[in-house]
Amino acid sequence: MKPLFWVGLVVLVLGIASFFFAIPRQERHGITVGDASVGVTTRNDQKVPTAVSIVMLVGGLALMAIGGRK
């Protein structure tokens, strides 16, 4: 099999996974005065936009189709 097929397969799997799994993101907000600091760490899970997931699916299928030709 050609490498383009395998790249398409990886993009397809990532596109499917992006529908179900969120990307964790952590931010630190705070203030520092001299040696003292006060802060809060927030954690936020963000899903990939649906349009991006669909583009990854279609792109992965297209790469697999192009890479699978003989």
PDB file of N, CA and C in Angstrom:
ATOM      1  N   MET A   1       0.834  -1.185   0.000  1.00  0.00           N
ATOM      2  CA  MET A   1       0.000   0.000   0.000  1.00  0.00           C
ATOM      3  C   MET A   1       0.875   1.244   0.000  1.00  0.00           C
ATOM      4  N   LYS A   2       0.335   2.273  -0.561  1.00  0.00           N
ATOM      5  CA  LYS A   2       1.089   3.513  -0.687  1.00  0.00           C
ATOM      6  C   LYS A   2       1.019   4.328   0.602  1.00  0.00           C
ATOM      7  N   PRO A   3       2.031   5.147   0.855  1.00  0.00           N
ATOM      8  CA  PRO A   3       2.036   5.960   2.079  1.00  0.00           C
ATOM      9  C   PRO A   3       0.867   6.941   2.157  1.00  0.00           C
ATOM     10  N   LEU A   4       0.385   7.428   1.019  1.00  0.00           N
ATOM     11  CA  LEU A   4      -0.728   8.374   1.020  1.00  0.00           C
ATOM     12  C   LEU A   4      -1.993   7.725   1.586  1.00  0.00           C
ATOM     13  N   PHE A   5      -2.165   6.444   1.333  1.00  0.00           N
ATOM     14  CA  PHE A   5      -3.295   5.705   1.892  1.00  0.00           C
ATOM     15  C   PHE A   5      -3.222   5.695   3.412  1.00  0.00           C
ATOM     16  N   TRP A   6      -2.029   5.448   3.954  1.00  0.00           N
ATOM     17  CA  TRP A   6      -1.865   5.378   5.409  1.00  0.00           C
ATOM     18  C   TRP A   6      -2.049   6.743   6.064  1.00  0.00           C
ATOM     19  N   VAL A   7      -1.591   7.792   5.390  1.00  0.00           N
ATOM     20  CA  VAL A   7      -1.819   9.144   5.913  1.00  0.00           C
ATOM     21  C   VAL A   7      -3.316   9.435   5.946  1.00  0.00           C
ATOM     22  N   GLY A   8      -4.017   9.042   4.892  1.00  0.00           N
ATOM     23  CA  GLY A   8      -5.470   9.218   4.847  1.00  0.00           C
ATOM     24  C   GLY A   8      -6.175   8.450   5.943  1.00  0.00           C
ATOM     25  N   LEU A   9      -5.703   7.251   6.226  1.00  0.00           N
ATOM     26  CA  LEU A   9      -6.288   6.439   7.294  1.00  0.00           C
ATOM     27  C   LEU A   9      -6.101   7.110   8.656  1.00  0.00           C
ATOM     28  N   VAL A  10      -4.919   7.668   8.893  1.00  0.00           N
ATOM     29  CA  VAL A  10      -4.653   8.364  10.169  1.00  0.00           C
ATOM     30  C   VAL A  10      -5.544   9.600  10.295  1.00  0.00           C
ATOM     31  N   VAL A  11      -5.680  10.366   9.217  1.00  0.00           N
ATOM     32  CA  VAL A  11      -6.533  11.564   9.247  1.00  0.00           C
ATOM     33  C   VAL A  11      -7.985  11.159   9.472  1.00  0.00           C
ATOM     34  N   LEU A  12      -8.421  10.073   8.857  1.00  0.00           N
ATOM     35  CA  LEU A  12      -9.789   9.583   9.037  1.00  0.00           C
ATOM     36  C   LEU A  12     -10.041   9.186  10.489  1.00  0.00           C
ATOM     37  N   VAL A  13      -9.106   8.453  11.088  1.00  0.00           N
ATOM     38  CA  VAL A  13      -9.261   8.031  12.490  1.00  0.00           C
ATOM     39  C   VAL A  13      -9.270   9.242  13.417  1.00  0.00           C
ATOM     40  N   LEU A  14      -8.406  10.222  13.157  1.00  0.00           N
ATOM     41  CA  LEU A  14      -8.405  11.440  13.976  1.00  0.00           C
ATOM     42  C   LEU A  14      -9.710  12.219  13.813  1.00  0.00           C
ATOM     43  N   GLY A  15     -10.266  12.229  12.611  1.00  0.00           N
ATOM     44  CA  GLY A  15     -11.547  12.899  12.381  1.00  0.00           C
ATOM     45  C   GLY A  15     -12.674  12.241  13.151  1.00  0.00           C
ATOM     46  N   ILE A  16     -12.676  10.913  13.179  1.00  0.00           N
ATOM     47  CA  ILE A  16     -13.706  10.203  13.938  1.00  0.00           C
ATOM     48  C   ILE A  16     -13.517  10.438  15.435  1.00  0.00           C
ATOM     49  N   ALA A  17     -12.281  10.389  15.900  1.00  0.00           N
ATOM     50  CA  ALA A  17     -12.005  10.591  17.329  1.00  0.00           C
ATOM     51  C   ALA A  17     -12.356  12.005  17.780  1.00  0.00           C
ATOM     52  N   SER A  18     -12.248  12.983  16.881  1.00  0.00           N
ATOM     53  CA  SER A  18     -12.531  14.363  17.270  1.00  0.00           C
ATOM     54  C   SER A  18     -14.010  14.591  17.570  1.00  0.00           C
ATOM     55  N   PHE A  19     -14.889  13.688  17.116  1.00  0.00           N
ATOM     56  CA  PHE A  19     -16.304  13.798  17.468  1.00  0.00           C
ATOM     57  C   PHE A  19     -16.552  13.406  18.921  1.00  0.00           C
ATOM     58  N   PHE A  20     -15.711  12.541  19.484  1.00  0.00           N
ATOM     59  CA  PHE A  20     -15.982  11.962  20.797  1.00  0.00           C
ATOM     60  C   PHE A  20     -15.100  12.486  21.922  1.00  0.00           C
ATOM     61  N   PHE A  21     -13.886  12.921  21.621  1.00  0.00           N
ATOM     62  CA  PHE A  21     -12.952  13.314  22.669  1.00  0.00           C
ATOM     63  C   PHE A  21     -12.720  14.816  22.640  1.00  0.00           C
ATOM     64  N   ALA A  22     -12.603  15.402  23.813  1.00  0.00           N
ATOM     65  CA  ALA A  22     -12.334  16.834  23.950  1.00  0.00           C
ATOM     66  C   ALA A  22     -10.846  17.057  24.206  1.00  0.00           C
ATOM     67  N   ILE A  23     -10.381  18.247  23.858  1.00  0.00           N
ATOM     68  CA  ILE A  23      -8.985  18.618  24.072  1.00  0.00           C
ATOM     69  C   ILE A  23      -8.902  19.406  25.374  1.00  0.00           C
ATOM     70  N   PRO A  24      -8.153  18.903  26.368  1.00  0.00           N
ATOM     71  CA  PRO A  24      -8.049  19.637  27.636  1.00  0.00           C
ATOM     72  C   PRO A  24      -7.146  20.864  27.497  1.00  0.00           C
ATOM     73  N   ARG A  25      -7.526  21.929  28.181  1.00  0.00           N
ATOM     74  CA  ARG A  25      -6.751  23.169  28.155  1.00  0.00           C
ATOM     75  C   ARG A  25      -6.716  23.738  29.569  1.00  0.00           C
ATOM     76  N   GLN A  26      -5.545  24.199  29.978  1.00  0.00           N
ATOM     77  CA  GLN A  26      -5.371  24.709  31.333  1.00  0.00           C
ATOM     78  C   GLN A  26      -4.820  26.126  31.270  1.00  0.00           C
ATOM     79  N   GLU A  27      -5.410  27.018  32.055  1.00  0.00           N
ATOM     80  CA  GLU A  27      -4.956  28.408  32.113  1.00  0.00           C
ATOM     81  C   GLU A  27      -4.708  28.803  33.564  1.00  0.00           C
ATOM     82  N   ARG A  28      -3.734  29.672  33.744  1.00  0.00           N
ATOM     83  CA  ARG A  28      -3.455  30.192  35.084  1.00  0.00           C
ATOM     84  C   ARG A  28      -3.692  31.689  35.067  1.00  0.00           C
ATOM     85  N   HIS A  29      -4.549  32.137  35.979  1.00  0.00           N
ATOM     86  CA  HIS A  29      -4.846  33.559  36.135  1.00  0.00           C
ATOM     87  C   HIS A  29      -4.393  33.969  37.529  1.00  0.00           C
ATOM     88  N   GLY A  30      -3.669  35.050  37.606  1.00  0.00           N
ATOM     89  CA  GLY A  30      -3.222  35.465  38.921  1.00  0.00           C
ATOM     90  C   GLY A  30      -2.488  36.780  38.894  1.00  0.00           C
ATOM     91  N   ILE A  31      -2.046  37.154  40.066  1.00  0.00           N
ATOM     92  CA  ILE A  31      -1.323  38.410  40.249  1.00  0.00           C
ATOM     93  C   ILE A  31      -0.130  38.132  41.160  1.00  0.00           C
ATOM     94  N   THR A  32       0.974  38.775  40.866  1.00  0.00           N
ATOM     95  CA  THR A  32       2.184  38.635  41.671  1.00  0.00           C
ATOM     96  C   THR A  32       2.614  40.016  42.141  1.00  0.00           C
ATOM     97  N   VAL A  33       2.787  40.135  43.449  1.00  0.00           N
ATOM     98  CA  VAL A  33       3.264  41.381  44.043  1.00  0.00           C
ATOM     99  C   VAL A  33       4.467  41.018  44.905  1.00  0.00           C
ATOM    100  N   GLY A  34       5.638  41.417  44.444  1.00  0.00           N
ATOM    101  CA  GLY A  34       6.854  41.083  45.182  1.00  0.00           C
ATOM    102  C   GLY A  34       7.048  39.574  45.196  1.00  0.00           C
ATOM    103  N   ASP A  35       7.168  39.007  46.416  1.00  0.00           N
ATOM    104  CA  ASP A  35       7.340  37.569  46.558  1.00  0.00           C
ATOM    105  C   ASP A  35       6.017  36.836  46.730  1.00  0.00           C
ATOM    106  N   ALA A  36       4.930  37.556  46.864  1.00  0.00           N
ATOM    107  CA  ALA A  36       3.630  36.923  47.076  1.00  0.00           C
ATOM    108  C   ALA A  36       2.877  36.817  45.752  1.00  0.00           C
ATOM    109  N   SER A  37       2.175  35.717  45.606  1.00  0.00           N
ATOM    110  CA  SER A  37       1.358  35.560  44.405  1.00  0.00           C
ATOM    111  C   SER A  37       0.038  34.887  44.765  1.00  0.00           C
ATOM    112  N   VAL A  38      -0.989  35.307  44.093  1.00  0.00           N
ATOM    113  CA  VAL A  38      -2.317  34.743  44.270  1.00  0.00           C
ATOM    114  C   VAL A  38      -2.814  34.375  42.877  1.00  0.00           C
ATOM    115  N   GLY A  39      -3.309  33.161  42.742  1.00  0.00           N
ATOM    116  CA  GLY A  39      -3.756  32.759  41.418  1.00  0.00           C
ATOM    117  C   GLY A  39      -4.760  31.631  41.449  1.00  0.00           C
ATOM    118  N   VAL A  40      -5.371  31.449  40.309  1.00  0.00           N
ATOM    119  CA  VAL A  40      -6.353  30.392  40.118  1.00  0.00           C
ATOM    120  C   VAL A  40      -6.008  29.681  38.822  1.00  0.00           C
ATOM    121  N   THR A  41      -6.048  28.376  38.853  1.00  0.00           N
ATOM    122  CA  THR A  41      -5.833  27.588  37.644  1.00  0.00           C
ATOM    123  C   THR A  41      -7.183  27.033  37.204  1.00  0.00           C
ATOM    124  N   THR A  42      -7.541  27.302  35.954  1.00  0.00           N
ATOM    125  CA  THR A  42      -8.804  26.807  35.430  1.00  0.00           C
ATOM    126  C   THR A  42      -8.522  25.755  34.364  1.00  0.00           C
ATOM    127  N   ARG A  43      -9.375  24.754  34.321  1.00  0.00           N
ATOM    128  CA  ARG A  43      -9.249  23.678  33.335  1.00  0.00           C
ATOM    129  C   ARG A  43     -10.515  23.686  32.492  1.00  0.00           C
ATOM    130  N   ASN A  44     -10.333  23.607  31.180  1.00  0.00           N
ATOM    131  CA  ASN A  44     -11.452  23.673  30.259  1.00  0.00           C
ATOM    132  C   ASN A  44     -11.267  22.615  29.181  1.00  0.00           C
ATOM    133  N   ASP A  45     -12.291  21.825  28.943  1.00  0.00           N
ATOM    134  CA  ASP A  45     -12.250  20.830  27.871  1.00  0.00           C
ATOM    135  C   ASP A  45     -13.011  21.387  26.673  1.00  0.00           C
ATOM    136  N   GLN A  46     -12.334  21.481  25.533  1.00  0.00           N
ATOM    137  CA  GLN A  46     -12.955  22.036  24.341  1.00  0.00           C
ATOM    138  C   GLN A  46     -13.008  20.983  23.254  1.00  0.00           C
ATOM    139  N   LYS A  47     -14.176  20.871  22.636  1.00  0.00           N
ATOM    140  CA  LYS A  47     -14.319  19.959  21.501  1.00  0.00           C
ATOM    141  C   LYS A  47     -13.932  20.690  20.229  1.00  0.00           C
ATOM    142  N   VAL A  48     -13.447  19.923  19.279  1.00  0.00           N
ATOM    143  CA  VAL A  48     -13.108  20.466  17.967  1.00  0.00           C
ATOM    144  C   VAL A  48     -14.423  20.810  17.264  1.00  0.00           C
ATOM    145  N   PRO A  49     -14.494  21.940  16.556  1.00  0.00           N
ATOM    146  CA  PRO A  49     -15.728  22.276  15.845  1.00  0.00           C
ATOM    147  C   PRO A  49     -16.132  21.161  14.871  1.00  0.00           C
ATOM    148  N   THR A  50     -17.437  20.978  14.724  1.00  0.00           N
ATOM    149  CA  THR A  50     -17.962  19.909  13.879  1.00  0.00           C
ATOM    150  C   THR A  50     -17.496  20.052  12.436  1.00  0.00           C
ATOM    151  N   ALA A  51     -17.400  21.279  11.945  1.00  0.00           N
ATOM    152  CA  ALA A  51     -16.954  21.497  10.564  1.00  0.00           C
ATOM    153  C   ALA A  51     -15.534  20.978  10.348  1.00  0.00           C
ATOM    154  N   VAL A  52     -14.671  21.161  11.324  1.00  0.00           N
ATOM    155  CA  VAL A  52     -13.290  20.681  11.218  1.00  0.00           C
ATOM    156  C   VAL A  52     -13.265  19.156  11.200  1.00  0.00           C
ATOM    157  N   SER A  53     -14.098  18.531  12.029  1.00  0.00           N
ATOM    158  CA  SER A  53     -14.166  17.070  12.061  1.00  0.00           C
ATOM    159  C   SER A  53     -14.651  16.516  10.722  1.00  0.00           C
ATOM    160  N   ILE A  54     -15.647  17.165  10.126  1.00  0.00           N
ATOM    161  CA  ILE A  54     -16.169  16.716   8.832  1.00  0.00           C
ATOM    162  C   ILE A  54     -15.117  16.881   7.743  1.00  0.00           C
ATOM    163  N   VAL A  55     -14.389  17.990   7.768  1.00  0.00           N
ATOM    164  CA  VAL A  55     -13.322  18.193   6.781  1.00  0.00           C
ATOM    165  C   VAL A  55     -12.244  17.125   6.930  1.00  0.00           C
ATOM    166  N   MET A  56     -11.919  16.753   8.166  1.00  0.00           N
ATOM    167  CA  MET A  56     -10.926  15.699   8.383  1.00  0.00           C
ATOM    168  C   MET A  56     -11.425  14.356   7.852  1.00  0.00           C
ATOM    169  N   LEU A  57     -12.705  14.056   8.058  1.00  0.00           N
ATOM    170  CA  LEU A  57     -13.269  12.809   7.551  1.00  0.00           C
ATOM    171  C   LEU A  57     -13.223  12.759   6.027  1.00  0.00           C
ATOM    172  N   VAL A  58     -13.697  13.823   5.390  1.00  0.00           N
ATOM    173  CA  VAL A  58     -13.712  13.860   3.927  1.00  0.00           C
ATOM    174  C   VAL A  58     -12.296  13.843   3.366  1.00  0.00           C
ATOM    175  N   GLY A  59     -11.400  14.595   3.985  1.00  0.00           N
ATOM    176  CA  GLY A  59     -10.012  14.615   3.539  1.00  0.00           C
ATOM    177  C   GLY A  59      -9.342  13.265   3.687  1.00  0.00           C
ATOM    178  N   GLY A  60      -9.609  12.589   4.802  1.00  0.00           N
ATOM    179  CA  GLY A  60      -9.046  11.256   5.013  1.00  0.00           C
ATOM    180  C   GLY A  60      -9.556  10.254   3.989  1.00  0.00           C
ATOM    181  N   LEU A  61     -10.849  10.319   3.699  1.00  0.00           N
ATOM    182  CA  LEU A  61     -11.406   9.421   2.679  1.00  0.00           C
ATOM    183  C   LEU A  61     -10.823   9.715   1.305  1.00  0.00           C
ATOM    184  N   ALA A  62     -10.654  10.999   0.987  1.00  0.00           N
ATOM    185  CA  ALA A  62     -10.087  11.374  -0.312  1.00  0.00           C
ATOM    186  C   ALA A  62      -8.638  10.898  -0.427  1.00  0.00           C
ATOM    187  N   LEU A  63      -7.858  11.070   0.623  1.00  0.00           N
ATOM    188  CA  LEU A  63      -6.471  10.608   0.589  1.00  0.00           C
ATOM    189  C   LEU A  63      -6.387   9.096   0.458  1.00  0.00           C
ATOM    190  N   MET A  64      -7.298   8.401   1.134  1.00  0.00           N
ATOM    191  CA  MET A  64      -7.304   6.937   1.025  1.00  0.00           C
ATOM    192  C   MET A  64      -7.680   6.507  -0.392  1.00  0.00           C
ATOM    193  N   ALA A  65      -8.621   7.205  -1.005  1.00  0.00           N
ATOM    194  CA  ALA A  65      -9.037   6.858  -2.359  1.00  0.00           C
ATOM    195  C   ALA A  65      -7.910   7.125  -3.351  1.00  0.00           C
ATOM    196  N   ILE A  66      -7.240   8.246  -3.197  1.00  0.00           N
ATOM    197  CA  ILE A  66      -6.122   8.582  -4.104  1.00  0.00           C
ATOM    198  C   ILE A  66      -4.949   7.632  -3.870  1.00  0.00           C
ATOM    199  N   GLY A  67      -4.662   7.337  -2.610  1.00  0.00           N
ATOM    200  CA  GLY A  67      -3.540   6.461  -2.290  1.00  0.00           C
ATOM    201  C   GLY A  67      -3.793   5.001  -2.611  1.00  0.00           C
ATOM    202  N   GLY A  68      -5.055   4.589  -2.700  1.00  0.00           N
ATOM    203  CA  GLY A  68      -5.383   3.202  -2.980  1.00  0.00           C
ATOM    204  C   GLY A  68      -5.398   2.846  -4.450  1.00  0.00           C
ATOM    205  N   ARG A  69      -5.332   3.846  -5.315  1.00  0.00           N
ATOM    206  CA  ARG A  69      -5.321   3.577  -6.760  1.00  0.00           C
ATOM    207  C   ARG A  69      -4.041   2.880  -7.170  1.00  0.00           C
ATOM    208  N   LYS A  70      -4.137   2.118  -8.230  1.00  0.00           N
ATOM    209  CA  LYS A  70      -2.942   1.431  -8.731  1.00  0.00           C
ATOM    210  C   LYS A  70      -2.446   2.077 -10.004  1.00  0.00           C
TER     211      LYS A  70
END
